[in-house]
Amino acid sequence: MQANISAADLESFLIDKAPRAAYYIPDYISDVEEEYLLRQVYNAPKPKWTQLSGRKLQNWGGLPHPRGMVPEKLPTWLQTYTDRISSLEVFGGNRANHVLVNEYNPGEGIMPHEDGPLYYPTVTTISLGSHTLLDFYVPVNRQSSEEEDQVPMTEEQRNVLSLLLEPRSLFILREDLYKTYLHGIRPLTQDTLDHKVANLDQCRAQVGETLTRRTRVSLTIRHVPKVLKAALFLGKRK
């Protein structure tokens, strides 16, 4: 288990075969912690779950909004991990204040996307229960083109690399890789690892291996810079 790493240690976990900057920390939490976190996720009240196409999620800490997030106190079981990750100093001197809990069943995924301007440009993810492959893509509007009428590349052609996220790992995405590329998860039940997987030398798996997905729960821990007081958000005075 590598939960006791410090901000000074982070650079040793840099994925050097990917554009800057992605960090991969295997076994960031223990088996016992993984079981504990999964138990807390599934003990959450049913109204906390939101069903989306391809996955379902829980939102903790408040609902990010262009006008600002009205903060909600994080439960202790999440605060422990937001504090731990904040100590790595990846949010520009700020502390994590928001967690999305995503559940992906085998065959589910999320389309290539960017996280948008509501968040500080760093995302950290703890994976529970199963691995996944996180794929990175050149956006359509950034394709290199010598002719204006060039046929757009397919999604597969725009895929520049993949990263294997194993259970109990911590993944940190920031800088150019966060800002310039889209990221997504293909809706598959198995992943065959090839040379596009840029962090295999930091993982237990190897090229050519096929991994079967199980249900994966991810804790996506971020900082929302724009926070409002509830009274202001509702247009009321204190």
C-alpha atoms as a PDB file:
ATOM      1  CA  MET A   1       0.000   0.000   0.000  1.00  0.00           C
ATOM      2  CA  GLN A   2       1.340   3.434  -0.975  1.00  0.00           C
ATOM      3  CA  ALA A   3      -1.051   5.817   0.773  1.00  0.00           C
ATOM      4  CA  ASN A   4       1.780   7.439   2.701  1.00  0.00           C
ATOM      5  CA  ILE A   5       3.360   9.027  -0.364  1.00  0.00           C
ATOM      6  CA  SER A   6       3.961  12.772  -0.223  1.00  0.00           C
ATOM      7  CA  ALA A   7       3.800  15.542  -2.808  1.00  0.00           C
ATOM      8  CA  ALA A   8       7.580  15.255  -3.148  1.00  0.00           C
ATOM      9  CA  ASP A   9       7.215  11.578  -4.150  1.00  0.00           C
ATOM     10  CA  LEU A  10       4.649  12.191  -6.868  1.00  0.00           C
ATOM     11  CA  GLU A  11       7.035  12.682  -9.774  1.00  0.00           C
ATOM     12  CA  SER A  12       8.330   9.128  -9.354  1.00  0.00           C
ATOM     13  CA  PHE A  13       4.855   7.912 -10.409  1.00  0.00           C
ATOM     14  CA  LEU A  14       4.751   9.972 -13.617  1.00  0.00           C
ATOM     15  CA  ILE A  15       3.728   7.973 -16.699  1.00  0.00           C
ATOM     16  CA  ASP A  16       6.635   8.936 -18.938  1.00  0.00           C
ATOM     17  CA  LYS A  17       5.217   7.328 -22.089  1.00  0.00           C
ATOM     18  CA  ALA A  18       2.218   9.682 -22.082  1.00  0.00           C
ATOM     19  CA  PRO A  19       2.041  13.443 -22.717  1.00  0.00           C
ATOM     20  CA  ARG A  20       2.346  15.463 -19.498  1.00  0.00           C
ATOM     21  CA  ALA A  21       0.936  14.787 -17.171  1.00  0.00           C
ATOM     22  CA  ALA A  22      -0.536  11.578 -15.807  1.00  0.00           C
ATOM     23  CA  TYR A  23       0.502   9.830 -12.606  1.00  0.00           C
ATOM     24  CA  TYR A  24      -0.333   6.230 -11.729  1.00  0.00           C
ATOM     25  CA  ILE A  25       0.026   4.898  -8.188  1.00  0.00           C
ATOM     26  CA  PRO A  26      -0.767   1.160  -7.924  1.00  0.00           C
ATOM     27  CA  ASP A  27      -2.052  -0.233  -4.626  1.00  0.00           C
ATOM     28  CA  TYR A  28      -2.753   3.248  -3.282  1.00  0.00           C
ATOM     29  CA  ILE A  29      -5.259   1.708  -0.873  1.00  0.00           C
ATOM     30  CA  SER A  30      -5.355  -1.721   0.769  1.00  0.00           C
ATOM     31  CA  ASP A  31      -7.783  -4.594   0.216  1.00  0.00           C
ATOM     32  CA  VAL A  32      -9.426  -3.727   3.541  1.00  0.00           C
ATOM     33  CA  GLU A  33      -9.874  -0.084   2.525  1.00  0.00           C
ATOM     34  CA  GLU A  34     -11.328  -1.150  -0.824  1.00  0.00           C
ATOM     35  CA  GLU A  35     -13.896  -3.363   0.908  1.00  0.00           C
ATOM     36  CA  TYR A  36     -14.716  -0.551   3.341  1.00  0.00           C
ATOM     37  CA  LEU A  37     -15.224   2.013   0.586  1.00  0.00           C
ATOM     38  CA  LEU A  38     -17.397  -0.321  -1.488  1.00  0.00           C
ATOM     39  CA  ARG A  39     -19.518  -1.023   1.575  1.00  0.00           C
ATOM     40  CA  GLN A  40     -19.987   2.707   2.179  1.00  0.00           C
ATOM     41  CA  VAL A  41     -20.907   3.327  -1.459  1.00  0.00           C
ATOM     42  CA  TYR A  42     -23.587   0.651  -1.476  1.00  0.00           C
ATOM     43  CA  ASN A  43     -24.897   1.631   1.966  1.00  0.00           C
ATOM     44  CA  ALA A  44     -25.634   5.138   0.695  1.00  0.00           C
ATOM     45  CA  PRO A  45     -29.330   6.070   0.529  1.00  0.00           C
ATOM     46  CA  LYS A  46     -30.985   5.091  -2.760  1.00  0.00           C
ATOM     47  CA  PRO A  47     -31.854   8.731  -3.625  1.00  0.00           C
ATOM     48  CA  LYS A  48     -28.103   9.463  -3.831  1.00  0.00           C
ATOM     49  CA  TRP A  49     -27.903   7.390  -7.022  1.00  0.00           C
ATOM     50  CA  THR A  50     -28.524   8.956 -10.433  1.00  0.00           C
ATOM     51  CA  GLN A  51     -28.947   6.590 -13.380  1.00  0.00           C
ATOM     52  CA  LEU A  52     -27.294   7.723 -16.606  1.00  0.00           C
ATOM     53  CA  SER A  53     -26.831   6.037 -19.947  1.00  0.00           C
ATOM     54  CA  GLY A  54     -23.952   3.614 -19.458  1.00  0.00           C
ATOM     55  CA  ARG A  55     -23.400   4.114 -15.738  1.00  0.00           C
ATOM     56  CA  LYS A  56     -24.901   5.386 -12.508  1.00  0.00           C
ATOM     57  CA  LEU A  57     -23.384   7.819 -10.047  1.00  0.00           C
ATOM     58  CA  GLN A  58     -23.500   9.509  -6.671  1.00  0.00           C
ATOM     59  CA  ASN A  59     -22.692  13.207  -6.240  1.00  0.00           C
ATOM     60  CA  TRP A  60     -21.038  14.314  -2.989  1.00  0.00           C
ATOM     61  CA  GLY A  61     -19.926  17.755  -1.852  1.00  0.00           C
ATOM     62  CA  GLY A  62     -22.476  19.791  -3.795  1.00  0.00           C
ATOM     63  CA  LEU A  63     -23.735  20.178  -7.354  1.00  0.00           C
ATOM     64  CA  PRO A  64     -21.213  22.017  -9.573  1.00  0.00           C
ATOM     65  CA  HIS A  65     -22.908  24.909 -11.389  1.00  0.00           C
ATOM     66  CA  PRO A  66     -21.648  27.815 -13.548  1.00  0.00           C
ATOM     67  CA  ARG A  67     -22.873  30.247 -10.883  1.00  0.00           C
ATOM     68  CA  GLY A  68     -21.008  28.317  -8.210  1.00  0.00           C
ATOM     69  CA  MET A  69     -21.431  25.192  -6.101  1.00  0.00           C
ATOM     70  CA  VAL A  70     -23.419  25.275  -2.887  1.00  0.00           C
ATOM     71  CA  PRO A  71     -21.151  23.100  -0.728  1.00  0.00           C
ATOM     72  CA  GLU A  72     -22.398  20.139   1.253  1.00  0.00           C
ATOM     73  CA  LYS A  73     -20.342  18.515   3.971  1.00  0.00           C
ATOM     74  CA  LEU A  74     -18.623  15.357   2.796  1.00  0.00           C
ATOM     75  CA  PRO A  75     -19.249  12.222   4.856  1.00  0.00           C
ATOM     76  CA  THR A  76     -16.325  11.088   6.985  1.00  0.00           C
ATOM     77  CA  TRP A  77     -15.619   8.061   4.784  1.00  0.00           C
ATOM     78  CA  LEU A  78     -14.966  10.365   1.815  1.00  0.00           C
ATOM     79  CA  GLN A  79     -13.341  13.211   3.746  1.00  0.00           C
ATOM     80  CA  THR A  80     -10.561  10.845   4.791  1.00  0.00           C
ATOM     81  CA  TYR A  81      -9.581  10.296   1.164  1.00  0.00           C
ATOM     82  CA  THR A  82     -10.122  13.851  -0.064  1.00  0.00           C
ATOM     83  CA  ASP A  83      -7.765  14.989   2.720  1.00  0.00           C
ATOM     84  CA  ARG A  84      -5.209  12.334   1.786  1.00  0.00           C
ATOM     85  CA  ILE A  85      -5.217  13.302  -1.874  1.00  0.00           C
ATOM     86  CA  SER A  86      -5.235  17.036  -1.085  1.00  0.00           C
ATOM     87  CA  SER A  87      -1.980  16.477   0.813  1.00  0.00           C
ATOM     88  CA  LEU A  88      -0.349  15.628  -2.541  1.00  0.00           C
ATOM     89  CA  GLU A  89      -0.786  19.315  -3.464  1.00  0.00           C
ATOM     90  CA  VAL A  90      -2.302  18.601  -6.872  1.00  0.00           C
ATOM     91  CA  PHE A  91      -5.041  21.261  -6.694  1.00  0.00           C
ATOM     92  CA  GLY A  92      -2.881  24.372  -6.761  1.00  0.00           C
ATOM     93  CA  GLY A  93      -2.858  24.884  -3.003  1.00  0.00           C
ATOM     94  CA  ASN A  94      -6.597  24.127  -2.703  1.00  0.00           C
ATOM     95  CA  ARG A  95      -8.295  21.171  -1.075  1.00  0.00           C
ATOM     96  CA  ALA A  96     -10.567  18.661  -2.778  1.00  0.00           C
ATOM     97  CA  ASN A  97     -14.210  19.478  -2.098  1.00  0.00           C
ATOM     98  CA  HIS A  98     -16.156  17.295  -4.511  1.00  0.00           C
ATOM     99  CA  VAL A  99     -16.457  13.552  -5.207  1.00  0.00           C
ATOM    100  CA  LEU A 100     -18.326  11.741  -7.970  1.00  0.00           C
ATOM    101  CA  VAL A 101     -18.861   8.043  -7.329  1.00  0.00           C
ATOM    102  CA  ASN A 102     -19.385   6.198 -10.621  1.00  0.00           C
ATOM    103  CA  GLU A 103     -20.484   2.585 -11.010  1.00  0.00           C
ATOM    104  CA  TYR A 104     -19.670   0.837 -14.288  1.00  0.00           C
ATOM    105  CA  ASN A 105     -20.967  -2.667 -14.919  1.00  0.00           C
ATOM    106  CA  PRO A 106     -19.172  -4.838 -17.507  1.00  0.00           C
ATOM    107  CA  GLY A 107     -20.066  -3.529 -20.942  1.00  0.00           C
ATOM    108  CA  GLU A 108     -20.662   0.034 -19.719  1.00  0.00           C
ATOM    109  CA  GLY A 109     -18.495   3.079 -20.362  1.00  0.00           C
ATOM    110  CA  ILE A 110     -18.459   6.810 -21.008  1.00  0.00           C
ATOM    111  CA  MET A 111     -18.033   8.631 -24.315  1.00  0.00           C
ATOM    112  CA  PRO A 112     -14.871  10.660 -24.957  1.00  0.00           C
ATOM    113  CA  HIS A 113     -15.261  13.971 -23.142  1.00  0.00           C
ATOM    114  CA  GLU A 114     -13.507  16.774 -21.300  1.00  0.00           C
ATOM    115  CA  ASP A 115     -14.366  17.632 -17.708  1.00  0.00           C
ATOM    116  CA  GLY A 116     -15.188  21.253 -18.400  1.00  0.00           C
ATOM    117  CA  PRO A 117     -14.500  24.610 -16.716  1.00  0.00           C
ATOM    118  CA  LEU A 118     -16.351  24.023 -13.435  1.00  0.00           C
ATOM    119  CA  TYR A 119     -13.415  22.085 -11.969  1.00  0.00           C
ATOM    120  CA  TYR A 120      -9.805  22.918 -11.196  1.00  0.00           C
ATOM    121  CA  PRO A 121      -7.843  21.335 -14.113  1.00  0.00           C
ATOM    122  CA  THR A 122      -6.769  18.213 -12.230  1.00  0.00           C
ATOM    123  CA  VAL A 123      -8.780  15.044 -11.734  1.00  0.00           C
ATOM    124  CA  THR A 124      -7.873  12.223  -9.338  1.00  0.00           C
ATOM    125  CA  THR A 125      -9.485   8.793  -9.396  1.00  0.00           C
ATOM    126  CA  ILE A 126      -9.430   5.817  -7.027  1.00  0.00           C
ATOM    127  CA  SER A 127     -10.620   2.593  -8.711  1.00  0.00           C
ATOM    128  CA  LEU A 128     -12.501  -0.074  -6.748  1.00  0.00           C
ATOM    129  CA  GLY A 129     -13.625  -3.583  -7.657  1.00  0.00           C
ATOM    130  CA  SER A 130     -12.301  -3.896 -11.199  1.00  0.00           C
ATOM    131  CA  HIS A 131      -9.817  -2.554 -13.697  1.00  0.00           C
ATOM    132  CA  THR A 132     -10.723  -0.432 -16.686  1.00  0.00           C
ATOM    133  CA  LEU A 133      -8.943   1.027 -19.693  1.00  0.00           C
ATOM    134  CA  LEU A 134      -9.068   4.802 -19.946  1.00  0.00           C
ATOM    135  CA  ASP A 135      -8.644   5.931 -23.547  1.00  0.00           C
ATOM    136  CA  PHE A 136      -7.370   9.323 -24.752  1.00  0.00           C
ATOM    137  CA  TYR A 137      -8.370  10.960 -28.028  1.00  0.00           C
ATOM    138  CA  VAL A 138      -7.434  13.937 -30.172  1.00  0.00           C
ATOM    139  CA  PRO A 139     -10.550  16.140 -30.372  1.00  0.00           C
ATOM    140  CA  VAL A 140     -12.154  16.366 -33.803  1.00  0.00           C
ATOM    141  CA  ASN A 141     -11.410  20.095 -33.998  1.00  0.00           C
ATOM    142  CA  ARG A 142      -7.668  19.471 -33.439  1.00  0.00           C
ATOM    143  CA  GLN A 143      -7.100  17.003 -36.260  1.00  0.00           C
ATOM    144  CA  SER A 144      -4.088  17.891 -38.351  1.00  0.00           C
ATOM    145  CA  SER A 145      -5.358  18.641 -41.821  1.00  0.00           C
ATOM    146  CA  GLU A 146      -3.709  19.789 -45.021  1.00  0.00           C
ATOM    147  CA  GLU A 147      -7.072  20.186 -46.702  1.00  0.00           C
ATOM    148  CA  GLU A 148     -10.116  21.849 -45.220  1.00  0.00           C
ATOM    149  CA  ASP A 149     -12.390  19.184 -46.670  1.00  0.00           C
ATOM    150  CA  GLN A 150     -10.398  16.250 -45.276  1.00  0.00           C
ATOM    151  CA  VAL A 151     -12.650  13.457 -44.044  1.00  0.00           C
ATOM    152  CA  PRO A 152     -12.622  13.455 -40.200  1.00  0.00           C
ATOM    153  CA  MET A 153     -10.698  10.625 -38.596  1.00  0.00           C
ATOM    154  CA  THR A 154     -12.643   7.865 -36.891  1.00  0.00           C
ATOM    155  CA  GLU A 155     -12.705   7.588 -33.109  1.00  0.00           C
ATOM    156  CA  GLU A 156     -10.265   4.684 -33.353  1.00  0.00           C
ATOM    157  CA  GLN A 157      -7.876   6.758 -35.460  1.00  0.00           C
ATOM    158  CA  ARG A 158      -8.087   9.632 -32.972  1.00  0.00           C
ATOM    159  CA  ASN A 159      -7.218   7.303 -30.056  1.00  0.00           C
ATOM    160  CA  VAL A 160      -3.633   8.160 -29.113  1.00  0.00           C
ATOM    161  CA  LEU A 161      -3.087   6.055 -26.004  1.00  0.00           C
ATOM    162  CA  SER A 162      -4.750   4.080 -23.230  1.00  0.00           C
ATOM    163  CA  LEU A 163      -4.024   3.726 -19.529  1.00  0.00           C
ATOM    164  CA  LEU A 164      -4.785   0.680 -17.407  1.00  0.00           C
ATOM    165  CA  LEU A 165      -6.425   1.599 -14.109  1.00  0.00           C
ATOM    166  CA  GLU A 166      -6.256  -1.364 -11.728  1.00  0.00           C
ATOM    167  CA  PRO A 167      -8.328  -1.879  -8.579  1.00  0.00           C
ATOM    168  CA  ARG A 168      -7.044   0.090  -5.559  1.00  0.00           C
ATOM    169  CA  SER A 169      -4.948   2.402  -7.746  1.00  0.00           C
ATOM    170  CA  LEU A 170      -4.862   6.197  -7.729  1.00  0.00           C
ATOM    171  CA  PHE A 171      -4.746   8.012 -11.063  1.00  0.00           C
ATOM    172  CA  ILE A 172      -3.982  11.730 -11.396  1.00  0.00           C
ATOM    173  CA  LEU A 173      -4.583  13.622 -14.647  1.00  0.00           C
ATOM    174  CA  ARG A 174      -3.497  17.234 -15.181  1.00  0.00           C
ATOM    175  CA  GLU A 175      -1.669  19.717 -17.423  1.00  0.00           C
ATOM    176  CA  ASP A 176      -1.682  19.224 -21.214  1.00  0.00           C
ATOM    177  CA  LEU A 177      -3.054  15.674 -21.171  1.00  0.00           C
ATOM    178  CA  TYR A 178      -6.052  16.921 -19.170  1.00  0.00           C
ATOM    179  CA  LYS A 179      -6.614  20.129 -21.146  1.00  0.00           C
ATOM    180  CA  THR A 180      -5.852  19.071 -24.720  1.00  0.00           C
ATOM    181  CA  TYR A 181      -7.186  15.528 -25.083  1.00  0.00           C
ATOM    182  CA  LEU A 182     -10.566  13.875 -24.566  1.00  0.00           C
ATOM    183  CA  HIS A 183     -10.801  10.814 -22.315  1.00  0.00           C
ATOM    184  CA  GLY A 184     -13.361   8.027 -22.194  1.00  0.00           C
ATOM    185  CA  ILE A 185     -14.060   4.364 -21.443  1.00  0.00           C
ATOM    186  CA  ARG A 186     -15.231   2.015 -24.175  1.00  0.00           C
ATOM    187  CA  PRO A 187     -18.327  -0.085 -23.360  1.00  0.00           C
ATOM    188  CA  LEU A 188     -16.573  -3.472 -23.350  1.00  0.00           C
ATOM    189  CA  THR A 189     -16.615  -6.603 -21.206  1.00  0.00           C
ATOM    190  CA  GLN A 190     -12.945  -7.462 -21.854  1.00  0.00           C
ATOM    191  CA  ASP A 191      -9.777  -5.526 -22.596  1.00  0.00           C
ATOM    192  CA  THR A 192      -6.869  -6.949 -24.587  1.00  0.00           C
ATOM    193  CA  LEU A 193      -3.758  -4.997 -23.708  1.00  0.00           C
ATOM    194  CA  ASP A 194      -1.630  -3.723 -26.570  1.00  0.00           C
ATOM    195  CA  HIS A 195       1.275  -1.318 -27.034  1.00  0.00           C
ATOM    196  CA  LYS A 196      -1.052   1.704 -26.813  1.00  0.00           C
ATOM    197  CA  VAL A 197      -1.364   1.050 -23.054  1.00  0.00           C
ATOM    198  CA  ALA A 198       1.276   3.490 -21.851  1.00  0.00           C
ATOM    199  CA  ASN A 199       1.611   2.496 -18.188  1.00  0.00           C
ATOM    200  CA  LEU A 200       2.015  -1.284 -18.342  1.00  0.00           C
ATOM    201  CA  ASP A 201       5.471  -1.097 -16.793  1.00  0.00           C
ATOM    202  CA  GLN A 202       3.748   0.218 -13.637  1.00  0.00           C
ATOM    203  CA  CYS A 203       1.069  -2.502 -13.622  1.00  0.00           C
ATOM    204  CA  ARG A 204       0.811  -6.221 -12.904  1.00  0.00           C
ATOM    205  CA  ALA A 205      -0.460  -6.987 -16.422  1.00  0.00           C
ATOM    206  CA  GLN A 206       1.492  -7.254 -19.679  1.00  0.00           C
ATOM    207  CA  VAL A 207       1.057  -6.776 -23.420  1.00  0.00           C
ATOM    208  CA  GLY A 208      -1.193  -9.403 -25.007  1.00  0.00           C
ATOM    209  CA  GLU A 209      -3.065 -10.203 -21.812  1.00  0.00           C
ATOM    210  CA  THR A 210      -6.877 -10.112 -21.878  1.00  0.00           C
ATOM    211  CA  LEU A 211      -8.580  -8.842 -18.738  1.00  0.00           C
ATOM    212  CA  THR A 212     -12.258  -9.427 -17.980  1.00  0.00           C
ATOM    213  CA  ARG A 213     -14.091  -6.486 -16.485  1.00  0.00           C
ATOM    214  CA  ARG A 214     -16.147  -6.787 -13.326  1.00  0.00           C
ATOM    215  CA  THR A 215     -18.276  -4.071 -11.753  1.00  0.00           C
ATOM    216  CA  ARG A 216     -16.038  -1.062 -11.168  1.00  0.00           C
ATOM    217  CA  VAL A 217     -16.680   1.802  -8.778  1.00  0.00           C
ATOM    218  CA  SER A 218     -14.574   4.928  -9.180  1.00  0.00           C
ATOM    219  CA  LEU A 219     -14.138   7.772  -6.725  1.00  0.00           C
ATOM    220  CA  THR A 220     -13.435  10.874  -8.801  1.00  0.00           C
ATOM    221  CA  ILE A 221     -12.048  13.475  -6.410  1.00  0.00           C
ATOM    222  CA  ARG A 222     -11.720  17.097  -7.550  1.00  0.00           C
ATOM    223  CA  HIS A 223     -11.666  20.725  -6.477  1.00  0.00           C
ATOM    224  CA  VAL A 224     -14.525  23.034  -7.489  1.00  0.00           C
ATOM    225  CA  PRO A 225     -13.098  26.590  -7.279  1.00  0.00           C
ATOM    226  CA  LYS A 226     -16.358  28.530  -7.379  1.00  0.00           C
ATOM    227  CA  VAL A 227     -18.288  27.913  -4.179  1.00  0.00           C
ATOM    228  CA  LEU A 228     -21.340  29.881  -3.020  1.00  0.00           C
ATOM    229  CA  LYS A 229     -23.121  30.235   0.253  1.00  0.00           C
ATOM    230  CA  ALA A 230     -26.554  28.632   0.065  1.00  0.00           C
ATOM    231  CA  ALA A 231     -28.299  31.895   0.986  1.00  0.00           C
ATOM    232  CA  LEU A 232     -26.612  33.734  -1.875  1.00  0.00           C
ATOM    233  CA  PHE A 233     -27.380  30.934  -4.325  1.00  0.00           C
ATOM    234  CA  LEU A 234     -31.065  31.143  -3.419  1.00  0.00           C
ATOM    235  CA  GLY A 235     -31.050  34.913  -3.799  1.00  0.00           C
ATOM    236  CA  LYS A 236     -31.568  35.520  -0.103  1.00  0.00           C
ATOM    237  CA  ARG A 237     -29.762  37.698   2.378  1.00  0.00           C
ATOM    238  CA  LYS A 238     -28.454  36.378   5.624  1.00  0.00           C
END
